[in-house]
């Protein structure tokens, strides 16, 4: 017995199999990278905040630019394929032309257009956003301290170490 979910899943798979277009995969990847990469980058507390901010902004921008670029180039490719099919009297081959040109356009967009737009737009947009945030600074709840000013105790001797006094001791001296 086939459940309604299985029937719907089969219909979706059949539809995607018949309408095989490189655009679907590219849009899915662009959307997931545009959302997930910046999220995971900002959760990495080992990196400096400025580095995390720049990296997350660039990844999000790349995902957004990729999504829009794929849609625009695919629309142009569909018009081009229709024009070529009409000019060459090969209207029966139009779906294959669209599929092939779609794959080529996705590849060329990822190789040339997206990096060019991102390299052109990242720095000015990030500076504009940072300027807006610097006009409205968020006060810190606790004063910031340098990391090497915080002493810690050794478990074995009870000494207070700083960054230059720790490490392997040769010769058994304290």
Protein backbone atom coordinates (compact mmCIF):
# COMPACT_ATOMS: atom_id res chain seq x y z
CA UNK A 1 0.00 0.00 0.00
CA UNK A 2 1.37 3.41 -0.97
CA UNK A 3 0.94 6.23 1.53
CA UNK A 4 0.08 9.79 0.42
CA UNK A 5 3.60 10.89 1.40
CA UNK A 6 5.20 8.20 -0.77
CA UNK A 7 2.98 9.15 -3.71
CA UNK A 8 3.84 12.85 -3.35
CA UNK A 9 7.55 12.03 -3.01
CA UNK A 10 7.41 9.87 -6.14
CA UNK A 11 5.63 12.65 -8.06
CA UNK A 12 8.27 15.20 -7.03
CA UNK A 13 11.11 12.85 -8.02
CA UNK A 14 9.48 12.07 -11.38
CA UNK A 15 8.93 15.76 -12.06
CA UNK A 16 12.54 16.62 -11.23
CA UNK A 17 13.74 13.72 -13.37
CA UNK A 18 11.74 14.90 -16.38
CA UNK A 19 12.53 18.59 -15.87
CA UNK A 20 16.23 18.13 -15.24
CA UNK A 21 17.71 21.59 -14.96
CA UNK A 22 21.05 22.57 -13.45
CA UNK A 23 19.37 25.65 -12.03
CA UNK A 24 17.55 23.69 -9.31
CA UNK A 25 20.73 22.30 -7.78
CA UNK A 26 22.57 25.59 -8.09
CA UNK A 27 19.77 27.54 -6.37
CA UNK A 28 19.57 25.00 -3.56
CA UNK A 29 23.32 25.16 -2.96
CA UNK A 30 23.41 28.97 -3.16
CA UNK A 31 20.55 29.35 -0.68
CA UNK A 32 21.95 26.86 1.81
CA UNK A 33 25.45 28.31 1.63
CA UNK A 34 24.09 31.83 1.94
CA UNK A 35 22.31 30.90 5.16
CA UNK A 36 24.41 28.19 6.81
CA UNK A 37 27.98 29.36 6.20
CA UNK A 38 27.53 32.80 7.81
CA UNK A 39 25.71 31.18 10.72
CA UNK A 40 28.48 28.69 11.39
CA UNK A 41 31.15 31.35 10.87
CA UNK A 42 29.61 33.62 13.51
CA UNK A 43 29.37 30.69 15.95
CA UNK A 44 33.14 30.08 15.73
CA UNK A 45 34.31 31.91 18.86
CA UNK A 46 37.98 31.00 18.26
CA UNK A 47 38.30 33.66 15.55
CA UNK A 48 38.43 37.41 16.09
CA UNK A 49 35.12 39.23 15.82
CA UNK A 50 36.26 41.39 12.88
CA UNK A 51 37.44 38.31 11.00
CA UNK A 52 34.17 36.49 11.70
CA UNK A 53 32.13 39.51 10.63
CA UNK A 54 33.99 39.92 7.35
CA UNK A 55 33.88 36.21 6.54
CA UNK A 56 30.19 35.85 7.40
CA UNK A 57 29.30 38.96 5.42
CA UNK A 58 31.24 37.75 2.39
CA UNK A 59 29.68 34.27 2.54
CA UNK A 60 26.16 35.71 2.88
CA UNK A 61 26.76 38.16 0.06
CA UNK A 62 28.14 35.39 -2.14
CA UNK A 63 25.05 33.26 -1.52
CA UNK A 64 22.68 36.13 -2.29
CA UNK A 65 24.60 37.18 -5.41
CA UNK A 66 24.78 33.56 -6.59
CA UNK A 67 21.04 33.03 -6.16
CA UNK A 68 20.12 36.16 -8.12
CA UNK A 69 22.82 35.60 -10.75
CA UNK A 70 21.65 32.06 -11.44
CA UNK A 71 18.06 33.22 -11.89
CA UNK A 72 19.03 36.08 -14.23
CA UNK A 73 21.45 34.06 -16.36
CA UNK A 74 18.98 31.17 -16.61
CA UNK A 75 16.26 33.52 -17.87
CA UNK A 76 18.68 34.84 -20.48
CA UNK A 77 19.72 31.33 -21.49
CA UNK A 78 16.09 30.25 -21.96
CA UNK A 79 15.49 33.18 -24.31
CA UNK A 80 18.74 32.42 -26.15
CA UNK A 81 17.87 28.74 -26.54
CA UNK A 82 14.42 29.60 -27.89
CA UNK A 83 15.95 32.04 -30.37
CA UNK A 84 18.57 29.50 -31.52
CA UNK A 85 15.94 26.76 -31.90
CA UNK A 86 13.72 29.03 -34.02
CA UNK A 87 16.61 30.19 -36.22
CA UNK A 88 17.85 26.66 -36.87
CA UNK A 89 14.36 25.10 -37.17
CA UNK A 90 15.14 22.65 -34.36
CA UNK A 91 12.17 23.35 -32.08
CA UNK A 92 11.94 19.65 -31.24
CA UNK A 93 15.39 19.89 -29.61
CA UNK A 94 14.50 22.95 -27.50
CA UNK A 95 14.32 21.14 -24.11
CA UNK A 96 17.78 19.61 -24.64
CA UNK A 97 19.17 22.98 -25.75
CA UNK A 98 17.77 24.66 -22.65
CA UNK A 99 19.18 21.96 -20.38
CA UNK A 100 22.64 22.10 -21.94
CA UNK A 101 22.80 25.88 -22.02
CA UNK A 102 21.51 25.99 -18.43
CA UNK A 103 24.38 23.79 -17.27
CA UNK A 104 26.89 25.91 -19.17
CA UNK A 105 25.42 29.16 -17.80
CA UNK A 106 25.47 27.88 -14.20
CA UNK A 107 29.12 26.88 -14.58
CA UNK A 108 30.19 30.15 -16.20
CA UNK A 109 28.20 32.19 -13.69
CA UNK A 110 29.92 30.42 -10.79
CA UNK A 111 33.33 30.80 -12.42
CA UNK A 112 33.23 34.42 -13.58
CA UNK A 113 30.17 36.49 -12.69
CA UNK A 114 29.71 35.70 -8.99
CA UNK A 115 33.36 36.25 -7.95
CA UNK A 116 33.55 39.46 -9.98
CA UNK A 117 30.40 40.92 -8.39
CA UNK A 118 31.47 39.85 -4.89
CA UNK A 119 34.97 41.30 -5.25
CA UNK A 120 33.49 44.53 -6.53
CA UNK A 121 30.75 44.86 -3.88
CA UNK A 122 32.06 43.35 -0.63
CA UNK A 123 34.31 46.13 0.63
CA UNK A 124 32.01 49.12 -0.07
CA UNK A 125 28.94 47.38 1.36
CA UNK A 126 30.77 46.17 4.48
CA UNK A 127 32.22 49.65 5.12
CA UNK A 128 28.76 51.16 4.75
CA UNK A 129 27.28 48.70 7.25
CA UNK A 130 30.16 49.15 9.70
CA UNK A 131 29.82 52.94 9.48
CA UNK A 132 26.14 52.66 10.35
CA UNK A 133 26.94 50.45 13.37
CA UNK A 134 29.78 52.70 14.56
CA UNK A 135 27.32 55.62 14.77
CA UNK A 136 25.22 53.58 17.23
CA UNK A 137 27.76 51.74 19.40
CA UNK A 138 26.52 49.10 21.81
CA UNK A 139 27.98 49.61 25.31
CA UNK A 140 29.81 46.63 26.81
CA UNK A 141 28.49 45.27 30.08
CA UNK A 142 31.96 44.31 31.31
CA UNK A 143 35.18 46.16 30.61
CA UNK A 144 37.40 44.38 28.12
CA UNK A 145 40.72 42.99 29.42
CA UNK A 146 43.71 41.73 27.55
CA UNK A 147 44.08 37.99 27.78
CA UNK A 148 47.64 37.99 29.15
CA UNK A 149 46.59 40.13 32.13
CA UNK A 150 44.42 37.38 33.60
CA UNK A 151 46.56 35.21 35.92
CA UNK A 152 45.79 31.58 36.61
CA UNK A 153 47.04 29.14 39.24
CA UNK A 154 48.99 26.01 38.56
CA UNK A 155 47.45 22.91 40.07
CA UNK A 156 50.78 21.45 41.20
CA UNK A 157 52.68 24.38 42.81
CA UNK A 158 50.13 27.11 43.38
CA UNK A 159 52.27 29.64 41.46
CA UNK A 160 50.78 32.39 39.37
CA UNK A 161 51.94 32.06 35.78
CA UNK A 162 51.92 34.55 32.99
CA UNK A 163 52.37 33.80 29.29
CA UNK A 164 56.19 33.94 29.47
CA UNK A 165 56.64 31.80 32.60
CA UNK A 166 54.77 28.71 31.45
CA UNK A 167 55.98 25.79 29.39
CA UNK A 168 58.35 22.86 29.65
CA UNK A 169 60.96 23.17 32.41
CA UNK A 170 64.28 21.52 31.65
CA UNK A 171 66.56 20.47 34.51
CA UNK A 172 63.85 20.15 37.18
CA UNK A 173 63.95 23.79 38.34
CA UNK A 174 60.89 25.71 39.38
